[in-house]
């Protein structure tokens, strides 16, 4: 049965499968390139999601400072006094305000460059589906039409992971809360005090803080008693 297929049918089938593989290859290569660029920019910094902070190779913490709503990145910065006294400062940063690290708050492919490469992959996937449909409309046998349309459905299903980002990662996803550095510092201080209270059960720790002096006790006023003699 398959040996009776026309060469154009085989060409359309091979074209569709090849373009689907090319689309996934473009997406995978662009994602790997973006990850490599981010790792090079971090320079050995490790992100800790439980603290929402970074740790540099010299074991110093970088805490969140601000959120850039236009570029959808969170900015982290180290303490300037600690960073300026670091022995490897010259190879880490030239800023006197401390080293800064950025993190994309949205999953791949939320950035503009990532969406551009994902758009190219989706376009290639559309072309992979268009060629078998055009070949099926050219008037081959019913068996060839069924094979071409079935291949189109399989290619479409194979390209769904490339389209799912439109639903999972909108341009302005909800759930990102902008908080200034003062609020973050207050939260970290409250967590540190709470952790310190859990580590000990001494009564002096629970009574730490400004002590309120008790009100002065007023002495009772004693009134003199007059002694009187009764004379008959």
Protein backbone atom coordinates (compact mmCIF):
# COMPACT_ATOMS: atom_id res chain seq x y z
CA UNK A 1 0.00 0.00 0.00
CA UNK A 2 2.71 2.48 0.96
CA UNK A 3 4.73 1.68 -2.14
CA UNK A 4 1.93 3.22 -4.21
CA UNK A 5 2.28 6.63 -2.58
CA UNK A 6 3.35 9.48 -4.78
CA UNK A 7 6.75 11.11 -4.17
CA UNK A 8 5.05 14.36 -3.15
CA UNK A 9 3.25 12.53 -0.35
CA UNK A 10 6.50 11.11 1.03
CA UNK A 11 8.11 14.50 0.71
CA UNK A 12 5.25 16.15 2.65
CA UNK A 13 5.46 13.56 5.43
CA UNK A 14 9.22 13.90 5.76
CA UNK A 15 8.96 17.69 5.57
CA UNK A 16 6.42 17.81 8.42
CA UNK A 17 8.40 15.55 10.75
CA UNK A 18 11.68 17.34 10.00
CA UNK A 19 10.22 20.79 10.66
CA UNK A 20 8.71 19.61 13.95
CA UNK A 21 12.13 18.41 15.10
CA UNK A 22 13.68 21.70 13.95
CA UNK A 23 11.08 23.67 15.95
CA UNK A 24 11.86 21.77 19.15
CA UNK A 25 15.58 22.10 18.43
CA UNK A 26 15.30 25.89 18.10
CA UNK A 27 13.44 26.12 21.39
CA UNK A 28 15.89 23.86 23.21
CA UNK A 29 18.95 25.66 21.89
CA UNK A 30 17.57 29.11 22.75
CA UNK A 31 16.69 27.98 26.27
CA UNK A 32 20.14 26.50 26.78
CA UNK A 33 21.79 29.67 25.48
CA UNK A 34 19.72 31.83 27.86
CA UNK A 35 20.63 29.58 30.80
CA UNK A 36 24.32 29.77 29.90
CA UNK A 37 24.19 33.56 29.76
CA UNK A 38 22.47 33.73 33.16
CA UNK A 39 25.03 31.40 34.74
CA UNK A 40 27.89 33.48 33.35
CA UNK A 41 26.33 36.65 34.70
CA UNK A 42 25.87 35.13 38.15
CA UNK A 43 29.51 34.13 38.44
CA UNK A 44 29.07 31.34 40.98
CA UNK A 45 26.23 32.96 42.97
CA UNK A 46 23.69 30.47 44.33
CA UNK A 47 20.02 31.34 44.71
CA UNK A 48 18.12 30.16 47.83
CA UNK A 49 14.40 30.21 47.16
CA UNK A 50 13.45 29.65 50.81
CA UNK A 51 15.16 32.93 51.77
CA UNK A 52 14.65 34.71 48.42
CA UNK A 53 18.31 35.68 48.48
CA UNK A 54 21.64 34.89 46.83
CA UNK A 55 24.91 33.70 48.36
CA UNK A 56 28.16 34.76 46.70
CA UNK A 57 31.28 32.54 46.47
CA UNK A 58 32.64 34.37 49.56
CA UNK A 59 29.61 33.24 51.62
CA UNK A 60 27.92 36.65 51.76
CA UNK A 61 24.18 37.18 51.31
CA UNK A 62 22.53 39.40 48.71
CA UNK A 63 19.01 40.44 49.71
CA UNK A 64 16.19 41.75 47.47
CA UNK A 65 16.31 45.49 46.95
CA UNK A 66 13.76 46.37 44.25
CA UNK A 67 11.55 44.96 41.54
CA UNK A 68 11.69 46.19 37.94
CA UNK A 69 8.11 45.88 36.60
CA UNK A 70 9.12 46.82 33.05
CA UNK A 71 11.76 44.11 32.63
CA UNK A 72 10.10 41.70 35.09
CA UNK A 73 13.27 41.17 37.13
CA UNK A 74 14.01 41.24 40.86
CA UNK A 75 17.24 42.97 41.83
CA UNK A 76 19.41 41.80 44.72
CA UNK A 77 22.35 43.68 46.23
CA UNK A 78 24.96 42.95 48.87
CA UNK A 79 25.95 45.18 51.78
CA UNK A 80 28.31 47.87 50.41
CA UNK A 81 30.64 47.84 53.43
CA UNK A 82 31.07 44.06 53.24
CA UNK A 83 31.40 44.03 49.45
CA UNK A 84 33.97 46.85 49.35
CA UNK A 85 36.16 45.03 51.88
CA UNK A 86 36.01 41.72 49.99
CA UNK A 87 39.43 40.45 48.80
CA UNK A 88 38.00 39.45 45.38
CA UNK A 89 36.01 42.64 44.81
CA UNK A 90 38.03 43.68 41.75
CA UNK A 91 37.08 40.48 39.93
CA UNK A 92 33.44 40.65 41.03
CA UNK A 93 32.21 44.23 40.62
CA UNK A 94 33.40 47.79 40.12
CA UNK A 95 30.45 49.38 41.92
CA UNK A 96 30.91 51.01 45.32
CA UNK A 97 27.29 50.19 46.19
CA UNK A 98 27.83 46.42 46.28
CA UNK A 99 27.38 43.61 43.78
CA UNK A 100 23.96 43.33 42.13
CA UNK A 101 22.33 40.15 40.83
CA UNK A 102 19.10 39.96 38.84
CA UNK A 103 16.53 37.17 38.65
CA UNK A 104 13.67 36.70 36.19
CA UNK A 105 10.46 36.35 38.20
CA UNK A 106 8.53 34.69 35.36
CA UNK A 107 9.22 31.19 33.97
CA UNK A 108 10.60 30.54 30.50
CA UNK A 109 9.83 32.03 28.03
CA UNK A 110 8.65 35.23 29.75
CA UNK A 111 11.40 37.59 28.59
CA UNK A 112 11.23 39.37 25.26
CA UNK A 113 14.21 37.53 23.76
CA UNK A 114 12.85 34.16 24.90
CA UNK A 115 9.45 34.92 23.39
CA UNK A 116 11.12 35.88 20.13
CA UNK A 117 12.86 32.50 19.85
CA UNK A 118 9.71 30.67 20.95
CA UNK A 119 7.78 32.56 18.26
CA UNK A 120 10.24 31.33 15.62
CA UNK A 121 9.77 27.75 16.84
CA UNK A 122 5.97 28.11 16.71
CA UNK A 123 6.18 29.50 13.18
CA UNK A 124 8.23 26.51 12.05
CA UNK A 125 5.63 24.22 13.68
CA UNK A 126 2.86 25.95 11.69
CA UNK A 127 4.78 25.33 8.47
CA UNK A 128 5.18 21.69 9.50
CA UNK A 129 1.39 21.36 9.67
CA UNK A 130 0.67 23.42 6.56
CA UNK A 131 2.61 21.31 4.06
CA UNK A 132 0.78 17.97 4.66
CA UNK A 133 -2.58 19.77 4.50
CA UNK A 134 -1.62 21.36 1.18
CA UNK A 135 -0.51 17.97 -0.14
CA UNK A 136 -3.82 16.39 0.97
CA UNK A 137 -5.78 19.05 -0.95
CA UNK A 138 -3.86 18.35 -4.15
CA UNK A 139 -6.00 15.28 -4.90
CA UNK A 140 -4.07 12.10 -4.00
CA UNK A 141 -5.77 8.83 -3.15
CA UNK A 142 -8.03 8.48 -0.11
CA UNK A 143 -5.38 6.45 1.71
CA UNK A 144 -2.77 9.15 1.12
CA UNK A 145 -5.19 11.82 2.32
CA UNK A 146 -5.84 9.87 5.54
CA UNK A 147 -2.11 9.41 6.14
CA UNK A 148 -1.37 13.08 5.48
CA UNK A 149 -4.15 14.33 7.74
CA UNK A 150 -3.18 11.85 10.45
CA UNK A 151 0.40 13.07 10.25
CA UNK A 152 -0.85 16.65 10.53
CA UNK A 153 -2.71 15.80 13.73
CA UNK A 154 0.36 14.11 15.20
CA UNK A 155 2.56 17.07 14.30
CA UNK A 156 0.02 19.43 15.86
CA UNK A 157 -0.02 17.40 19.07
CA UNK A 158 3.78 17.36 19.08
CA UNK A 159 3.89 21.15 18.83
CA UNK A 160 1.49 21.79 21.73
CA UNK A 161 4.33 22.20 24.29
CA UNK A 162 5.56 25.11 22.20
CA UNK A 163 2.17 26.84 22.35
CA UNK A 164 1.38 26.17 25.99
CA UNK A 165 3.54 29.12 27.15
CA UNK A 166 0.82 31.50 25.91
CA UNK A 167 -1.43 30.17 28.66
CA UNK A 168 1.13 29.52 31.41
CA UNK A 169 3.21 32.70 31.16
CA UNK A 170 1.23 35.79 30.13
CA UNK A 171 2.98 39.08 29.56
CA UNK A 172 1.92 40.46 32.94
CA UNK A 173 1.24 37.47 35.19
CA UNK A 174 -0.47 38.05 38.49
CA UNK A 175 1.07 37.15 41.78
CA UNK A 176 4.22 39.29 41.65
CA UNK A 177 4.24 41.61 44.62
CA UNK A 178 6.41 44.70 44.59
CA UNK A 179 7.77 45.51 48.02
CA UNK A 180 10.35 48.16 48.84
CA UNK A 181 13.61 47.31 50.55
CA UNK A 182 12.41 48.67 53.91
CA UNK A 183 9.53 46.19 54.05
CA UNK A 184 11.81 43.30 53.16
CA UNK A 185 14.25 44.35 55.86
CA UNK A 186 11.46 44.54 58.42
CA UNK A 187 10.25 41.05 57.50
CA UNK A 188 13.75 39.59 57.79
CA UNK A 189 14.19 41.22 61.20
CA UNK A 190 10.88 39.81 62.41
CA UNK A 191 11.82 36.31 61.22
CA UNK A 192 15.21 36.56 62.92
CA UNK A 193 13.61 37.58 66.22
CA UNK A 194 11.11 34.74 65.94
CA UNK A 195 13.88 32.21 65.26
CA UNK A 196 15.86 33.55 68.22
CA UNK A 197 12.86 33.12 70.51
CA UNK A 198 12.48 29.50 69.39
CA UNK A 199 16.10 28.62 70.14
CA UNK A 200 15.86 29.30 73.90
CA UNK A 201 13.31 29.06 76.69
CA UNK A 202 14.98 31.31 79.20
CA UNK A 203 12.61 33.68 80.89
CA UNK A 204 15.09 36.53 80.43
CA UNK A 205 14.77 36.19 76.63
CA UNK A 206 11.01 36.45 76.83
CA UNK A 207 11.32 39.56 78.98
CA UNK A 208 13.88 41.19 76.70
CA UNK A 209 13.13 44.75 75.76
CA UNK A 210 12.40 47.95 77.60
CA UNK A 211 11.32 47.29 81.18
CA UNK A 212 8.44 49.32 82.54
CA UNK A 213 8.98 50.45 86.11
CA UNK A 214 6.09 49.76 88.48
CA UNK A 215 4.17 52.80 89.71
CA UNK A 216 5.35 54.21 93.05
CA UNK A 217 3.44 53.06 96.09
CA UNK A 218 2.01 55.94 98.06
CA UNK A 219 2.42 55.73 101.81
CA UNK A 220 -0.80 56.01 103.82
CA UNK A 221 -1.42 59.34 105.53
CA UNK A 222 -1.75 59.00 109.32
CA UNK A 223 -3.92 61.66 110.89
CA UNK A 224 -3.17 62.70 114.49
CA UNK A 225 -5.70 61.56 117.08
CA UNK A 226 -6.76 64.12 119.68
CA UNK A 227 -7.07 62.82 123.19
CA UNK A 228 -9.89 64.41 125.18
CA UNK A 229 -10.70 64.10 128.85
CA UNK A 230 -14.27 64.10 130.03
CA UNK A 231 -14.90 66.24 133.01
CA UNK A 232 -18.06 65.65 134.97
